[in-house]
Amino acid sequence: VPYLGRQMFANPESEEGKRIFIHDVLHQILISNGKPMHSKDLLYEANKIRSIHENLPVFLKEPIILLGKGFYGLNYWDEETNNLR
């Protein structure tokens, strides 16, 4: 995957060569998981798609929200989904 800077990468299969932001990948991972995830797990899943530095923080930008203790969820999930039991 062509490297395009710290916050994005390209999809070589895309005809437009559209740049994909890491934030968008993390958003899709949360959607696929269906429940909050710890930052280390989010970055682990993102690394399956494109290698990123482990110390790269999860950037808080809607719809990704910090729920506490390194756990992230989506702001449109209901309280039950975002519950950290």
PDB file of N, CA and C in Angstrom:
ATOM      1  N   VAL A   1       0.857  -1.175   0.000  1.00  0.00           N
ATOM      2  CA  VAL A   1       0.000   0.000   0.000  1.00  0.00           C
ATOM      3  C   VAL A   1       0.898   1.232   0.000  1.00  0.00           C
ATOM      4  N   PRO A   2       0.742   2.120  -0.951  1.00  0.00           N
ATOM      5  CA  PRO A   2       1.597   3.315  -1.002  1.00  0.00           C
ATOM      6  C   PRO A   2       1.415   4.215   0.215  1.00  0.00           C
ATOM      7  N   TYR A   3       2.538   4.598   0.811  1.00  0.00           N
ATOM      8  CA  TYR A   3       2.523   5.475   1.972  1.00  0.00           C
ATOM      9  C   TYR A   3       2.338   6.919   1.524  1.00  0.00           C
ATOM     10  N   LEU A   4       1.370   7.617   2.128  1.00  0.00           N
ATOM     11  CA  LEU A   4       1.068   8.992   1.727  1.00  0.00           C
ATOM     12  C   LEU A   4       1.176   9.968   2.894  1.00  0.00           C
ATOM     13  N   GLY A   5       1.905   9.605   3.898  1.00  0.00           N
ATOM     14  CA  GLY A   5       2.020  10.475   5.062  1.00  0.00           C
ATOM     15  C   GLY A   5       1.502   9.778   6.294  1.00  0.00           C
ATOM     16  N   ARG A   6       1.688  10.415   7.424  1.00  0.00           N
ATOM     17  CA  ARG A   6       1.397   9.782   8.695  1.00  0.00           C
ATOM     18  C   ARG A   6      -0.083   9.471   8.902  1.00  0.00           C
ATOM     19  N   GLN A   7      -0.975  10.251   8.361  1.00  0.00           N
ATOM     20  CA  GLN A   7      -2.393  10.088   8.656  1.00  0.00           C
ATOM     21  C   GLN A   7      -3.202   9.409   7.556  1.00  0.00           C
ATOM     22  N   MET A   8      -2.565   9.002   6.471  1.00  0.00           N
ATOM     23  CA  MET A   8      -3.357   8.404   5.405  1.00  0.00           C
ATOM     24  C   MET A   8      -2.542   7.429   4.579  1.00  0.00           C
ATOM     25  N   PHE A   9      -3.245   6.647   3.793  1.00  0.00           N
ATOM     26  CA  PHE A   9      -2.621   5.738   2.846  1.00  0.00           C
ATOM     27  C   PHE A   9      -3.571   5.554   1.679  1.00  0.00           C
ATOM     28  N   ALA A  10      -3.080   4.973   0.604  1.00  0.00           N
ATOM     29  CA  ALA A  10      -3.884   4.841  -0.609  1.00  0.00           C
ATOM     30  C   ALA A  10      -4.375   3.415  -0.772  1.00  0.00           C
ATOM     31  N   ASN A  11      -5.490   3.286  -1.441  1.00  0.00           N
ATOM     32  CA  ASN A  11      -6.018   1.986  -1.809  1.00  0.00           C
ATOM     33  C   ASN A  11      -5.604   1.726  -3.257  1.00  0.00           C
ATOM     34  N   PRO A  12      -4.616   0.854  -3.485  1.00  0.00           N
ATOM     35  CA  PRO A  12      -4.122   0.649  -4.852  1.00  0.00           C
ATOM     36  C   PRO A  12      -5.161   0.039  -5.786  1.00  0.00           C
ATOM     37  N   GLU A  13      -6.216  -0.563  -5.225  1.00  0.00           N
ATOM     38  CA  GLU A  13      -7.260  -1.160  -6.057  1.00  0.00           C
ATOM     39  C   GLU A  13      -8.306  -0.148  -6.498  1.00  0.00           C
ATOM     40  N   SER A  14      -8.257   1.032  -5.921  1.00  0.00           N
ATOM     41  CA  SER A  14      -9.217   2.074  -6.263  1.00  0.00           C
ATOM     42  C   SER A  14      -8.810   2.737  -7.569  1.00  0.00           C
ATOM     43  N   GLU A  15      -9.766   2.889  -8.478  1.00  0.00           N
ATOM     44  CA  GLU A  15      -9.470   3.536  -9.754  1.00  0.00           C
ATOM     45  C   GLU A  15      -9.062   4.984  -9.563  1.00  0.00           C
ATOM     46  N   GLU A  16      -9.630   5.642  -8.562  1.00  0.00           N
ATOM     47  CA  GLU A  16      -9.319   7.043  -8.327  1.00  0.00           C
ATOM     48  C   GLU A  16      -8.043   7.203  -7.506  1.00  0.00           C
ATOM     49  N   GLY A  17      -7.519   6.117  -6.941  1.00  0.00           N
ATOM     50  CA  GLY A  17      -6.375   6.224  -6.057  1.00  0.00           C
ATOM     51  C   GLY A  17      -6.719   7.020  -4.816  1.00  0.00           C
ATOM     52  N   LYS A  18      -7.968   6.907  -4.373  1.00  0.00           N
ATOM     53  CA  LYS A  18      -8.462   7.679  -3.243  1.00  0.00           C
ATOM     54  C   LYS A  18      -7.622   7.443  -2.000  1.00  0.00           C
ATOM     55  N   ARG A  19      -7.315   8.529  -1.318  1.00  0.00           N
ATOM     56  CA  ARG A  19      -6.585   8.433  -0.063  1.00  0.00           C
ATOM     57  C   ARG A  19      -7.547   8.052   1.045  1.00  0.00           C
ATOM     58  N   ILE A  20      -7.114   7.155   1.895  1.00  0.00           N
ATOM     59  CA  ILE A  20      -7.938   6.691   2.999  1.00  0.00           C
ATOM     60  C   ILE A  20      -7.285   7.149   4.300  1.00  0.00           C
ATOM     61  N   PHE A  21      -8.014   7.862   5.118  1.00  0.00           N
ATOM     62  CA  PHE A  21      -7.491   8.328   6.387  1.00  0.00           C
ATOM     63  C   PHE A  21      -7.543   7.200   7.413  1.00  0.00           C
ATOM     64  N   ILE A  22      -6.534   7.137   8.261  1.00  0.00           N
ATOM     65  CA  ILE A  22      -6.496   6.142   9.326  1.00  0.00           C
ATOM     66  C   ILE A  22      -7.763   6.233  10.171  1.00  0.00           C
ATOM     67  N   HIS A  23      -8.229   7.446  10.423  1.00  0.00           N
ATOM     68  CA  HIS A  23      -9.466   7.648  11.192  1.00  0.00           C
ATOM     69  C   HIS A  23     -10.623   6.872  10.583  1.00  0.00           C
ATOM     70  N   ASP A  24     -10.740   6.912   9.250  1.00  0.00           N
ATOM     71  CA  ASP A  24     -11.822   6.202   8.572  1.00  0.00           C
ATOM     72  C   ASP A  24     -11.686   4.686   8.726  1.00  0.00           C
ATOM     73  N   VAL A  25     -10.458   4.197   8.711  1.00  0.00           N
ATOM     74  CA  VAL A  25     -10.230   2.761   8.911  1.00  0.00           C
ATOM     75  C   VAL A  25     -10.637   2.364  10.327  1.00  0.00           C
ATOM     76  N   LEU A  26     -10.242   3.172  11.326  1.00  0.00           N
ATOM     77  CA  LEU A  26     -10.608   2.876  12.708  1.00  0.00           C
ATOM     78  C   LEU A  26     -12.114   2.912  12.893  1.00  0.00           C
ATOM     79  N   HIS A  27     -12.771   3.851  12.224  1.00  0.00           N
ATOM     80  CA  HIS A  27     -14.234   3.941  12.273  1.00  0.00           C
ATOM     81  C   HIS A  27     -14.851   2.647  11.747  1.00  0.00           C
ATOM     82  N   GLN A  28     -14.373   2.160  10.618  1.00  0.00           N
ATOM     83  CA  GLN A  28     -14.910   0.935  10.040  1.00  0.00           C
ATOM     84  C   GLN A  28     -14.641  -0.282  10.922  1.00  0.00           C
ATOM     85  N   ILE A  29     -13.479  -0.303  11.579  1.00  0.00           N
ATOM     86  CA  ILE A  29     -13.169  -1.407  12.487  1.00  0.00           C
ATOM     87  C   ILE A  29     -14.145  -1.413  13.658  1.00  0.00           C
ATOM     88  N   LEU A  30     -14.429  -0.247  14.219  1.00  0.00           N
ATOM     89  CA  LEU A  30     -15.400  -0.170  15.315  1.00  0.00           C
ATOM     90  C   LEU A  30     -16.779  -0.629  14.860  1.00  0.00           C
ATOM     91  N   ILE A  31     -17.182  -0.222  13.675  1.00  0.00           N
ATOM     92  CA  ILE A  31     -18.484  -0.648  13.140  1.00  0.00           C
ATOM     93  C   ILE A  31     -18.515  -2.171  13.012  1.00  0.00           C
ATOM     94  N   SER A  32     -17.452  -2.749  12.458  1.00  0.00           N
ATOM     95  CA  SER A  32     -17.398  -4.208  12.287  1.00  0.00           C
ATOM     96  C   SER A  32     -17.411  -4.938  13.617  1.00  0.00           C
ATOM     97  N   ASN A  33     -16.740  -4.387  14.611  1.00  0.00           N
ATOM     98  CA  ASN A  33     -16.682  -5.011  15.931  1.00  0.00           C
ATOM     99  C   ASN A  33     -18.018  -4.909  16.655  1.00  0.00           C
ATOM    100  N   GLY A  34     -18.730  -3.805  16.455  1.00  0.00           N
ATOM    101  CA  GLY A  34     -20.050  -3.631  17.048  1.00  0.00           C
ATOM    102  C   GLY A  34     -20.071  -3.259  18.516  1.00  0.00           C
ATOM    103  N   LYS A  35     -18.894  -3.052  19.089  1.00  0.00           N
ATOM    104  CA  LYS A  35     -18.813  -2.649  20.490  1.00  0.00           C
ATOM    105  C   LYS A  35     -17.486  -1.925  20.702  1.00  0.00           C
ATOM    106  N   PRO A  36     -17.349  -1.210  21.819  1.00  0.00           N
ATOM    107  CA  PRO A  36     -16.117  -0.469  22.084  1.00  0.00           C
ATOM    108  C   PRO A  36     -14.883  -1.370  22.066  1.00  0.00           C
ATOM    109  N   MET A  37     -13.761  -0.759  21.720  1.00  0.00           N
ATOM    110  CA  MET A  37     -12.492  -1.479  21.661  1.00  0.00           C
ATOM    111  C   MET A  37     -11.406  -0.660  22.342  1.00  0.00           C
ATOM    112  N   HIS A  38     -10.422  -1.354  22.892  1.00  0.00           N
ATOM    113  CA  HIS A  38      -9.263  -0.693  23.471  1.00  0.00           C
ATOM    114  C   HIS A  38      -8.358  -0.227  22.328  1.00  0.00           C
ATOM    115  N   SER A  39      -7.636   0.846  22.561  1.00  0.00           N
ATOM    116  CA  SER A  39      -6.785   1.415  21.513  1.00  0.00           C
ATOM    117  C   SER A  39      -5.788   0.396  20.969  1.00  0.00           C
ATOM    118  N   LYS A  40      -5.232  -0.457  21.821  1.00  0.00           N
ATOM    119  CA  LYS A  40      -4.256  -1.444  21.320  1.00  0.00           C
ATOM    120  C   LYS A  40      -4.919  -2.434  20.366  1.00  0.00           C
ATOM    121  N   ASP A  41      -6.178  -2.787  20.625  1.00  0.00           N
ATOM    122  CA  ASP A  41      -6.892  -3.703  19.735  1.00  0.00           C
ATOM    123  C   ASP A  41      -7.268  -3.019  18.423  1.00  0.00           C
ATOM    124  N   LEU A  42      -7.661  -1.754  18.516  1.00  0.00           N
ATOM    125  CA  LEU A  42      -7.970  -0.987  17.301  1.00  0.00           C
ATOM    126  C   LEU A  42      -6.743  -0.894  16.397  1.00  0.00           C
ATOM    127  N   LEU A  43      -5.600  -0.550  16.991  1.00  0.00           N
ATOM    128  CA  LEU A  43      -4.375  -0.417  16.205  1.00  0.00           C
ATOM    129  C   LEU A  43      -3.904  -1.768  15.678  1.00  0.00           C
ATOM    130  N   TYR A  44      -4.130  -2.840  16.432  1.00  0.00           N
ATOM    131  CA  TYR A  44      -3.787  -4.183  15.961  1.00  0.00           C
ATOM    132  C   TYR A  44      -4.585  -4.512  14.694  1.00  0.00           C
ATOM    133  N   GLU A  45      -5.884  -4.238  14.718  1.00  0.00           N
ATOM    134  CA  GLU A  45      -6.727  -4.504  13.547  1.00  0.00           C
ATOM    135  C   GLU A  45      -6.338  -3.608  12.369  1.00  0.00           C
ATOM    136  N   ALA A  46      -6.022  -2.355  12.650  1.00  0.00           N
ATOM    137  CA  ALA A  46      -5.605  -1.437  11.582  1.00  0.00           C
ATOM    138  C   ALA A  46      -4.306  -1.915  10.945  1.00  0.00           C
ATOM    139  N   ASN A  47      -3.419  -2.498  11.736  1.00  0.00           N
ATOM    140  CA  ASN A  47      -2.148  -3.003  11.218  1.00  0.00           C
ATOM    141  C   ASN A  47      -2.336  -4.164  10.253  1.00  0.00           C
ATOM    142  N   LYS A  48      -3.460  -4.848  10.323  1.00  0.00           N
ATOM    143  CA  LYS A  48      -3.752  -5.915   9.363  1.00  0.00           C
ATOM    144  C   LYS A  48      -4.008  -5.329   7.983  1.00  0.00           C
ATOM    145  N   ILE A  49      -4.454  -4.074   7.953  1.00  0.00           N
ATOM    146  CA  ILE A  49      -4.761  -3.397   6.697  1.00  0.00           C
ATOM    147  C   ILE A  49      -3.540  -2.637   6.184  1.00  0.00           C
ATOM    148  N   ARG A  50      -2.895  -1.925   7.089  1.00  0.00           N
ATOM    149  CA  ARG A  50      -1.719  -1.136   6.735  1.00  0.00           C
ATOM    150  C   ARG A  50      -0.886  -0.916   7.976  1.00  0.00           C
ATOM    151  N   SER A  51       0.404  -1.194   7.891  1.00  0.00           N
ATOM    152  CA  SER A  51       1.278  -1.050   9.047  1.00  0.00           C
ATOM    153  C   SER A  51       1.310   0.398   9.517  1.00  0.00           C
ATOM    154  N   ILE A  52       1.010   0.576  10.790  1.00  0.00           N
ATOM    155  CA  ILE A  52       1.098   1.898  11.400  1.00  0.00           C
ATOM    156  C   ILE A  52       1.897   1.752  12.687  1.00  0.00           C
ATOM    157  N   HIS A  53       2.421   2.837  13.186  1.00  0.00           N
ATOM    158  CA  HIS A  53       3.208   2.796  14.405  1.00  0.00           C
ATOM    159  C   HIS A  53       2.304   2.505  15.594  1.00  0.00           C
ATOM    160  N   GLU A  54       2.755   1.624  16.476  1.00  0.00           N
ATOM    161  CA  GLU A  54       1.964   1.266  17.648  1.00  0.00           C
ATOM    162  C   GLU A  54       1.683   2.458  18.538  1.00  0.00           C
ATOM    163  N   ASN A  55       2.594   3.430  18.552  1.00  0.00           N
ATOM    164  CA  ASN A  55       2.408   4.574  19.433  1.00  0.00           C
ATOM    165  C   ASN A  55       1.545   5.663  18.814  1.00  0.00           C
ATOM    166  N   LEU A  56       1.046   5.426  17.607  1.00  0.00           N
ATOM    167  CA  LEU A  56       0.159   6.401  16.979  1.00  0.00           C
ATOM    168  C   LEU A  56      -1.151   6.424  17.755  1.00  0.00           C
ATOM    169  N   PRO A  57      -1.540   7.577  18.274  1.00  0.00           N
ATOM    170  CA  PRO A  57      -2.769   7.622  19.070  1.00  0.00           C
ATOM    171  C   PRO A  57      -4.025   7.516  18.199  1.00  0.00           C
ATOM    172  N   VAL A  58      -5.108   7.111  18.816  1.00  0.00           N
ATOM    173  CA  VAL A  58      -6.405   7.141  18.149  1.00  0.00           C
ATOM    174  C   VAL A  58      -6.893   8.579  18.254  1.00  0.00           C
ATOM    175  N   PHE A  59      -7.102   9.214  17.123  1.00  0.00           N
ATOM    176  CA  PHE A  59      -7.487  10.616  17.128  1.00  0.00           C
ATOM    177  C   PHE A  59      -8.984  10.757  17.372  1.00  0.00           C
ATOM    178  N   LEU A  60      -9.320  11.588  18.333  1.00  0.00           N
ATOM    179  CA  LEU A  60     -10.726  11.816  18.655  1.00  0.00           C
ATOM    180  C   LEU A  60     -11.313  12.770  17.630  1.00  0.00           C
ATOM    181  N   LYS A  61     -12.176  12.241  16.817  1.00  0.00           N
ATOM    182  CA  LYS A  61     -12.858  13.007  15.788  1.00  0.00           C
ATOM    183  C   LYS A  61     -14.164  12.279  15.549  1.00  0.00           C
ATOM    184  N   GLU A  62     -15.250  13.022  15.512  1.00  0.00           N
ATOM    185  CA  GLU A  62     -16.548  12.375  15.326  1.00  0.00           C
ATOM    186  C   GLU A  62     -16.509  11.436  14.145  1.00  0.00           C
ATOM    187  N   PRO A  63     -17.109  10.278  14.292  1.00  0.00           N
ATOM    188  CA  PRO A  63     -17.950   9.793  15.381  1.00  0.00           C
ATOM    189  C   PRO A  63     -17.201   9.005  16.456  1.00  0.00           C
ATOM    190  N   ILE A  64     -15.847   8.928  16.406  1.00  0.00           N
ATOM    191  CA  ILE A  64     -15.100   8.183  17.411  1.00  0.00           C
ATOM    192  C   ILE A  64     -15.000   9.000  18.696  1.00  0.00           C
ATOM    193  N   ILE A  65     -15.343   8.355  19.818  1.00  0.00           N
ATOM    194  CA  ILE A  65     -15.269   9.027  21.116  1.00  0.00           C
ATOM    195  C   ILE A  65     -14.485   8.159  22.100  1.00  0.00           C
ATOM    196  N   LEU A  66     -13.845   8.813  23.055  1.00  0.00           N
ATOM    197  CA  LEU A  66     -13.137   8.126  24.126  1.00  0.00           C
ATOM    198  C   LEU A  66     -14.130   7.854  25.246  1.00  0.00           C
ATOM    199  N   LEU A  67     -14.216   6.592  25.642  1.00  0.00           N
ATOM    200  CA  LEU A  67     -15.145   6.211  26.704  1.00  0.00           C
ATOM    201  C   LEU A  67     -14.442   6.123  28.052  1.00  0.00           C
ATOM    202  N   GLY A  68     -13.131   6.094  28.037  1.00  0.00           N
ATOM    203  CA  GLY A  68     -12.344   6.012  29.258  1.00  0.00           C
ATOM    204  C   GLY A  68     -11.421   4.812  29.256  1.00  0.00           C
ATOM    205  N   LYS A  69     -10.307   4.941  29.967  1.00  0.00           N
ATOM    206  CA  LYS A  69      -9.338   3.852  30.122  1.00  0.00           C
ATOM    207  C   LYS A  69      -8.862   3.280  28.793  1.00  0.00           C
ATOM    208  N   GLY A  70      -8.721   4.121  27.779  1.00  0.00           N
ATOM    209  CA  GLY A  70      -8.211   3.672  26.486  1.00  0.00           C
ATOM    210  C   GLY A  70      -9.236   2.999  25.599  1.00  0.00           C
ATOM    211  N   PHE A  71     -10.511   3.011  25.986  1.00  0.00           N
ATOM    212  CA  PHE A  71     -11.566   2.393  25.182  1.00  0.00           C
ATOM    213  C   PHE A  71     -12.275   3.443  24.328  1.00  0.00           C
ATOM    214  N   TYR A  72     -12.537   3.045  23.097  1.00  0.00           N
ATOM    215  CA  TYR A  72     -13.175   3.945  22.140  1.00  0.00           C
ATOM    216  C   TYR A  72     -14.454   3.321  21.607  1.00  0.00           C
ATOM    217  N   GLY A  73     -15.424   4.180  21.328  1.00  0.00           N
ATOM    218  CA  GLY A  73     -16.697   3.761  20.756  1.00  0.00           C
ATOM    219  C   GLY A  73     -17.158   4.804  19.755  1.00  0.00           C
ATOM    220  N   LEU A  74     -18.399   4.694  19.341  1.00  0.00           N
ATOM    221  CA  LEU A  74     -18.960   5.636  18.366  1.00  0.00           C
ATOM    222  C   LEU A  74     -20.065   6.454  19.021  1.00  0.00           C
ATOM    223  N   ASN A  75     -20.078   7.741  18.719  1.00  0.00           N
ATOM    224  CA  ASN A  75     -21.001   8.644  19.409  1.00  0.00           C
ATOM    225  C   ASN A  75     -22.470   8.375  19.108  1.00  0.00           C
ATOM    226  N   TYR A  76     -22.786   7.627  18.071  1.00  0.00           N
ATOM    227  CA  TYR A  76     -24.192   7.352  17.762  1.00  0.00           C
ATOM    228  C   TYR A  76     -24.655   6.001  18.303  1.00  0.00           C
ATOM    229  N   TRP A  77     -23.756   5.259  18.945  1.00  0.00           N
ATOM    230  CA  TRP A  77     -24.188   4.029  19.606  1.00  0.00           C
ATOM    231  C   TRP A  77     -24.966   4.386  20.853  1.00  0.00           C
ATOM    232  N   ASP A  78     -25.934   3.547  21.214  1.00  0.00           N
ATOM    233  CA  ASP A  78     -26.685   3.821  22.435  1.00  0.00           C
ATOM    234  C   ASP A  78     -25.824   3.521  23.663  1.00  0.00           C
ATOM    235  N   GLU A  79     -26.306   3.926  24.824  1.00  0.00           N
ATOM    236  CA  GLU A  79     -25.538   3.757  26.061  1.00  0.00           C
ATOM    237  C   GLU A  79     -25.198   2.302  26.327  1.00  0.00           C
ATOM    238  N   GLU A  80     -26.121   1.405  26.002  1.00  0.00           N
ATOM    239  CA  GLU A  80     -25.883  -0.011  26.265  1.00  0.00           C
ATOM    240  C   GLU A  80     -24.714  -0.540  25.439  1.00  0.00           C
ATOM    241  N   THR A  81     -24.608  -0.131  24.186  1.00  0.00           N
ATOM    242  CA  THR A  81     -23.508  -0.567  23.340  1.00  0.00           C
ATOM    243  C   THR A  81     -22.182  -0.036  23.850  1.00  0.00           C
ATOM    244  N   ASN A  82     -22.165   1.223  24.297  1.00  0.00           N
ATOM    245  CA  ASN A  82     -20.931   1.856  24.761  1.00  0.00           C
ATOM    246  C   ASN A  82     -20.608   1.555  26.219  1.00  0.00           C
ATOM    247  N   ASN A  83     -21.389   0.703  26.879  1.00  0.00           N
ATOM    248  CA  ASN A  83     -21.153   0.359  28.268  1.00  0.00           C
ATOM    249  C   ASN A  83     -19.879  -0.483  28.393  1.00  0.00           C
ATOM    250  N   LEU A  84     -19.006  -0.123  29.309  1.00  0.00           N
ATOM    251  CA  LEU A  84     -17.717  -0.810  29.461  1.00  0.00           C
ATOM    252  C   LEU A  84     -17.723  -1.863  30.565  1.00  0.00           C
ATOM    253  N   ARG A  85     -18.706  -2.687  30.646  1.00  0.00           N
ATOM    254  CA  ARG A  85     -18.796  -3.704  31.716  1.00  0.00           C
ATOM    255  C   ARG A  85     -17.612  -4.624  31.703  1.00  0.00           C
TER     256      ARG A  85
END
